[in-house]
Amino acid sequence: MIPGPFDYHRPASVGDAIKLLADLGDEARPLAGGHSLLPMMKLRLATPAHLIDLHGIAGLKGICREGDRIAIGAMTTQAELLASNDIGEALPILHETALLIADPQVRYRGTIGGNVANGDPGNDMPALMLALDATYRLEGPNGAREVPAREFYQGAYFTALEPGEILTGVSIPVPPAGHGYAYEKLKRKVGDYATAAAGVVLTMAAGKVASCVISLTNLHETPLLASDAANAVIGTTLDDAALKAAANAARAIMQPASDARGPAEYRIHVGGIMVMRALQRAASRAK
């Protein structure tokens, strides 16, 4: 399949990219890793007249620690996340999840900004951003603003991005030392989107869960924060009753589509299993 004709632009700064988007309007699309946009263009489901390639903007790459937060440039690739000592030490769940995204070829090109910005419910990073309480930096013709990840996703492929805005960075608070974490993903084959996935970040004290956050991937039209499921295990030793209560609370908010990965009922069932597995594995890592 061959995309329709388009003009190619490669700005050198965020300001230049924003100006191009403003000047070219709805006919322009920013290009990050391209793993969502280019397949749609090949199928003629997307026909932008202009592509604005963000790879020439050096300021959109990089990972650094800023006090008790980790700042990540939007054009940082999944492979660069995997190579980062800062990520490995402070946010190991990002390492674990990045390894489950597609394959090495995709990870060398795919970016964290592209993964979180386009609102695809099947992408893995958005749910983690909810669990980690990340904040996105959005820049556009009216300046820059910060939007919590938990307020960003509005529907499948619908986000808080305004026309002409670009997601330029992600800021994540560093979880407490000794926290436990896990991302459990059921998929049909290597490189596939999740049939169902769950991320967990928790802390333990005296053998009981002291704090917990649970998020879900590809089980609704947006990533989900399963607050009732997390509350069900706080103060427990994660015995069977607590695990089942968390799974059932998580299932209560799942509304997946029936598709090639299975009927909705199956995906809801395995979604609960992913929650239980993630809880158990996260607890085993907590110190």
Protein backbone atom coordinates (compact mmCIF):
# COMPACT_ATOMS: atom_id res chain seq x y z
CA MET A 1 0.00 0.00 0.00
CA ILE A 2 1.30 3.44 -0.95
CA PRO A 3 0.47 6.65 0.96
CA GLY A 4 -1.06 9.58 -0.83
CA PRO A 5 1.13 12.56 -1.80
CA PHE A 6 2.38 14.85 0.95
CA ASP A 7 4.96 17.57 1.56
CA TYR A 8 7.75 16.81 4.03
CA HIS A 9 8.98 19.33 6.60
CA ARG A 10 11.83 18.92 9.12
CA PRO A 11 11.88 21.83 11.58
CA ALA A 12 14.93 22.45 13.77
CA SER A 13 13.09 23.77 16.83
CA VAL A 14 9.81 23.35 18.70
CA GLY A 15 8.93 26.92 17.75
CA ASP A 16 9.42 26.17 14.06
CA ALA A 17 7.27 23.03 14.35
CA ILE A 18 4.48 24.94 16.10
CA LYS A 19 4.60 27.66 13.43
CA LEU A 20 4.34 25.05 10.67
CA LEU A 21 1.34 23.46 12.36
CA ALA A 22 -0.30 26.87 12.74
CA ASP A 23 0.41 27.88 9.14
CA LEU A 24 -0.60 24.56 7.57
CA GLY A 25 -3.61 23.89 9.78
CA ASP A 26 -5.59 20.66 9.70
CA GLU A 27 -3.69 19.37 6.66
CA ALA A 28 -0.51 18.90 8.73
CA ARG A 29 0.44 16.10 11.11
CA PRO A 30 3.52 15.85 13.34
CA LEU A 31 5.63 12.73 12.82
CA ALA A 32 7.40 11.01 15.73
CA GLY A 33 8.14 7.27 15.40
CA GLY A 34 5.40 6.91 12.80
CA HIS A 35 4.20 3.48 13.87
CA SER A 36 0.57 4.60 14.12
CA LEU A 37 0.44 7.32 11.49
CA LEU A 38 2.33 5.70 8.60
CA PRO A 39 0.29 2.47 8.51
CA MET A 40 -2.88 4.56 8.46
CA MET A 41 -1.44 6.61 5.59
CA LYS A 42 -0.61 3.45 3.65
CA LEU A 43 -4.21 2.32 4.03
CA ARG A 44 -5.40 5.83 3.03
CA LEU A 45 -7.19 6.10 6.38
CA ALA A 46 -5.10 9.21 7.00
CA THR A 47 -4.19 11.55 4.16
CA PRO A 48 -2.27 14.53 5.57
CA ALA A 49 -0.98 16.95 2.96
CA HIS A 50 2.01 17.81 5.16
CA LEU A 51 4.20 15.74 7.50
CA ILE A 52 6.22 17.63 10.10
CA ASP A 53 9.10 15.39 11.14
CA LEU A 54 10.15 16.10 14.74
CA HIS A 55 13.42 14.14 14.58
CA GLY A 56 15.44 17.25 13.75
CA ILE A 57 14.61 18.90 17.10
CA ALA A 58 17.46 18.01 19.45
CA GLY A 59 15.69 19.57 22.45
CA LEU A 60 12.97 16.92 22.35
CA LYS A 61 15.37 14.11 23.26
CA GLY A 62 16.93 13.20 26.56
CA ILE A 63 16.39 11.85 30.07
CA CYS A 64 17.40 13.67 33.22
CA ARG A 65 16.66 13.65 36.92
CA GLU A 66 15.29 16.91 38.29
CA GLY A 67 15.09 16.55 42.06
CA ASP A 68 12.40 13.99 42.83
CA ARG A 69 11.21 13.75 39.22
CA ILE A 70 12.46 12.21 35.98
CA ALA A 71 12.06 14.39 32.87
CA ILE A 72 11.91 12.63 29.49
CA GLY A 73 11.91 14.37 26.13
CA ALA A 74 9.05 13.34 23.87
CA MET A 75 11.32 12.09 21.07
CA THR A 76 13.24 9.77 23.38
CA THR A 77 12.93 6.27 21.94
CA GLN A 78 11.93 3.10 23.75
CA ALA A 79 15.47 1.81 23.16
CA GLU A 80 16.90 4.90 24.86
CA LEU A 81 14.62 4.29 27.85
CA LEU A 82 16.03 0.78 28.06
CA ALA A 83 19.61 2.09 27.91
CA SER A 84 19.10 4.70 30.64
CA ASN A 85 20.52 4.06 34.11
CA ASP A 86 18.26 6.78 35.53
CA ILE A 87 15.18 4.96 34.25
CA GLY A 88 16.46 1.58 35.37
CA GLU A 89 17.13 2.79 38.90
CA ALA A 90 14.19 5.13 39.48
CA LEU A 91 11.46 3.82 37.17
CA PRO A 92 12.18 0.15 36.48
CA ILE A 93 8.56 -0.46 35.43
CA LEU A 94 9.30 1.63 32.32
CA HIS A 95 12.16 -0.75 31.49
CA GLU A 96 9.90 -3.75 31.96
CA THR A 97 7.15 -2.28 29.79
CA ALA A 98 9.41 -1.00 27.02
CA LEU A 99 10.73 -4.53 26.56
CA LEU A 100 7.16 -5.70 25.91
CA ILE A 101 6.53 -3.13 23.17
CA ALA A 102 6.74 -4.69 19.71
CA ASP A 103 10.30 -5.74 18.79
CA PRO A 104 13.80 -4.20 18.78
CA GLN A 105 13.36 -2.62 15.35
CA VAL A 106 10.24 -0.78 16.49
CA ARG A 107 11.79 0.19 19.83
CA TYR A 108 14.75 1.83 18.08
CA ARG A 109 12.36 4.14 16.26
CA GLY A 110 9.25 4.40 18.43
CA THR A 111 9.18 7.30 20.91
CA ILE A 112 7.64 7.74 24.33
CA GLY A 113 5.94 10.93 23.15
CA GLY A 114 4.31 9.23 20.20
CA ASN A 115 3.21 6.32 22.37
CA VAL A 116 1.46 8.50 24.94
CA ALA A 117 0.21 11.35 22.72
CA ASN A 118 -2.02 9.80 20.08
CA GLY A 119 -4.61 8.26 22.39
CA ASP A 120 -4.43 4.71 21.02
CA PRO A 121 -6.02 2.52 23.72
CA GLY A 122 -3.70 -0.33 22.76
CA ASN A 123 -0.49 1.56 23.53
CA ASP A 124 1.27 0.40 26.68
CA MET A 125 2.83 3.57 28.07
CA PRO A 126 -0.36 5.63 28.70
CA ALA A 127 -1.60 3.31 31.45
CA LEU A 128 1.81 3.46 33.11
CA MET A 129 1.71 7.24 33.00
CA LEU A 130 -1.59 7.09 34.91
CA ALA A 131 -0.12 4.70 37.47
CA LEU A 132 2.99 6.86 37.93
CA ASP A 133 1.00 10.12 38.05
CA ALA A 134 3.00 11.62 35.18
CA THR A 135 2.55 15.11 33.78
CA TYR A 136 2.76 16.01 30.08
CA ARG A 137 4.19 19.24 28.74
CA LEU A 138 2.20 20.56 25.80
CA GLU A 139 3.45 23.43 23.65
CA GLY A 140 1.46 25.32 21.03
CA PRO A 141 0.67 28.74 19.57
CA ASN A 142 -0.66 29.94 22.94
CA GLY A 143 2.42 28.87 24.89
CA ALA A 144 3.21 25.90 27.12
CA ARG A 145 1.05 24.13 29.68
CA GLU A 146 1.27 21.10 31.95
CA VAL A 147 -1.49 18.48 31.88
CA PRO A 148 -1.65 15.49 34.25
CA ALA A 149 -1.73 12.20 32.38
CA ARG A 150 -4.82 11.31 34.41
CA GLU A 151 -6.69 14.18 32.72
CA PHE A 152 -5.25 13.75 29.21
CA TYR A 153 -7.18 10.83 27.70
CA GLN A 154 -10.76 11.56 26.65
CA GLY A 155 -11.63 8.72 24.26
CA ALA A 156 -10.05 6.47 21.64
CA TYR A 157 -7.63 8.77 19.76
CA PHE A 158 -9.09 11.83 21.56
CA THR A 159 -6.87 13.67 24.03
CA ALA A 160 -6.44 17.05 25.70
CA LEU A 161 -4.14 18.21 22.88
CA GLU A 162 -5.50 21.38 21.30
CA PRO A 163 -5.08 22.12 17.57
CA GLY A 164 -1.50 23.11 16.86
CA GLU A 165 -0.12 21.69 20.11
CA ILE A 166 2.72 19.21 20.43
CA LEU A 167 3.51 17.00 23.41
CA THR A 168 7.14 17.89 24.10
CA GLY A 169 7.96 16.16 27.37
CA VAL A 170 6.95 13.82 30.18
CA SER A 171 7.69 14.41 33.86
CA ILE A 172 7.32 11.54 36.31
CA PRO A 173 7.66 11.64 40.12
CA VAL A 174 10.14 9.07 41.39
CA PRO A 175 8.31 6.34 43.36
CA PRO A 176 9.43 5.63 46.94
CA ALA A 177 12.58 3.60 47.46
CA GLY A 178 11.81 -0.08 47.80
CA HIS A 179 8.54 0.10 45.88
CA GLY A 180 7.28 -2.95 44.04
CA TYR A 181 6.24 -2.85 40.41
CA ALA A 182 5.01 -5.07 37.60
CA TYR A 183 3.46 -4.81 34.14
CA GLU A 184 1.61 -7.95 33.07
CA LYS A 185 0.67 -8.14 29.40
CA LEU A 186 -1.23 -10.90 27.62
CA LYS A 187 -0.70 -10.82 23.86
CA ARG A 188 -1.22 -13.25 21.02
CA LYS A 189 2.35 -13.04 19.73
CA VAL A 190 5.54 -11.05 20.08
CA GLY A 191 4.99 -7.49 18.90
CA ASP A 192 1.22 -7.50 19.30
CA TYR A 193 -0.97 -5.07 21.19
CA ALA A 194 -2.24 -6.34 24.53
CA THR A 195 -5.30 -8.52 24.71
CA ALA A 196 -5.29 -7.22 28.28
CA ALA A 197 -2.59 -5.67 30.46
CA ALA A 198 -2.22 -4.32 33.98
CA GLY A 199 0.41 -2.19 35.66
CA VAL A 200 0.95 -2.06 39.43
CA VAL A 201 3.09 0.17 41.64
CA LEU A 202 2.88 -0.50 45.38
CA THR A 203 4.67 -0.32 48.70
CA MET A 204 4.61 -2.83 51.54
CA ALA A 205 4.95 -2.35 55.30
CA ALA A 206 5.00 -5.13 57.89
CA GLY A 207 3.89 -7.63 55.28
CA LYS A 208 0.85 -5.63 54.21
CA VAL A 209 0.14 -3.38 51.24
CA ALA A 210 0.67 0.23 52.36
CA SER A 211 -0.05 1.97 49.06
CA CYS A 212 -1.10 0.75 45.64
CA VAL A 213 -1.93 2.03 42.17
CA ILE A 214 -3.32 -0.20 39.40
CA SER A 215 -3.78 0.79 35.75
CA LEU A 216 -5.19 -1.10 32.76
CA THR A 217 -4.30 -1.21 29.06
CA ASN A 218 -6.59 -1.96 26.10
CA LEU A 219 -9.60 -2.77 28.26
CA HIS A 220 -11.56 0.40 27.50
CA GLU A 221 -11.44 3.18 24.93
CA THR A 222 -8.90 4.92 27.21
CA PRO A 223 -6.31 3.66 29.68
CA LEU A 224 -7.88 3.12 33.08
CA LEU A 225 -6.89 3.84 36.65
CA ALA A 226 -8.46 1.07 38.74
CA SER A 227 -8.79 2.93 42.04
CA ASP A 228 -11.34 0.59 43.63
CA ALA A 229 -9.18 -2.39 42.77
CA ALA A 230 -6.17 -0.75 44.40
CA ASN A 231 -8.17 0.16 47.50
CA ALA A 232 -9.29 -3.46 47.81
CA VAL A 233 -5.75 -4.63 48.60
CA ILE A 234 -4.48 -1.79 50.80
CA GLY A 235 -4.02 -3.08 54.33
CA THR A 236 -4.07 -6.72 53.22
CA THR A 237 -1.38 -9.35 52.88
CA LEU A 238 -2.54 -9.98 49.29
CA ASP A 239 -4.23 -13.20 50.27
CA ASP A 240 -6.52 -14.96 47.80
CA ALA A 241 -9.58 -13.05 48.94
CA ALA A 242 -7.87 -9.69 48.46
CA LEU A 243 -6.56 -10.66 45.03
CA LYS A 244 -9.99 -11.81 43.89
CA ALA A 245 -11.59 -8.63 45.24
CA ALA A 246 -9.10 -6.51 43.31
CA ALA A 247 -9.65 -8.50 40.11
CA ASN A 248 -13.43 -8.18 40.39
CA ALA A 249 -13.23 -4.44 41.10
CA ALA A 250 -11.00 -3.98 38.07
CA ARG A 251 -13.31 -6.05 35.87
CA ALA A 252 -16.22 -3.81 36.87
CA ILE A 253 -14.73 -0.86 34.96
CA MET A 254 -13.50 -2.76 31.90
CA GLN A 255 -15.36 -2.23 28.62
CA PRO A 256 -13.13 -3.74 25.93
CA ALA A 257 -14.24 -4.25 22.34
CA SER A 258 -14.77 -7.71 20.92
CA ASP A 259 -12.14 -8.07 18.22
CA ALA A 260 -9.57 -10.46 16.78
CA ARG A 261 -8.01 -10.78 20.24
CA GLY A 262 -11.19 -12.29 21.61
CA PRO A 263 -14.74 -11.48 22.72
CA ALA A 264 -15.20 -8.81 25.36
CA GLU A 265 -16.11 -11.38 28.02
CA TYR A 266 -12.81 -13.21 27.51
CA ARG A 267 -10.77 -10.01 27.61
CA ILE A 268 -12.47 -8.92 30.83
CA HIS A 269 -11.77 -12.32 32.38
CA VAL A 270 -8.07 -12.30 31.49
CA GLY A 271 -7.84 -8.63 32.46
CA GLY A 272 -8.64 -9.65 36.02
CA ILE A 273 -5.98 -12.34 35.87
CA MET A 274 -3.41 -9.78 34.71
CA VAL A 275 -4.30 -7.63 37.73
CA MET A 276 -3.75 -10.53 40.14
CA ARG A 277 -0.47 -11.54 38.54
CA ALA A 278 0.82 -7.97 38.53
CA LEU A 279 -0.09 -7.53 42.20
CA GLN A 280 1.69 -10.70 43.22
CA ARG A 281 4.81 -9.93 41.23
CA ALA A 282 4.96 -6.31 42.42
CA ALA A 283 4.65 -7.44 46.04
CA SER A 284 7.49 -9.91 45.56
CA ARG A 285 9.76 -7.03 44.48
CA ALA A 286 8.82 -4.61 47.26
CA LYS A 287 11.37 -4.12 50.04
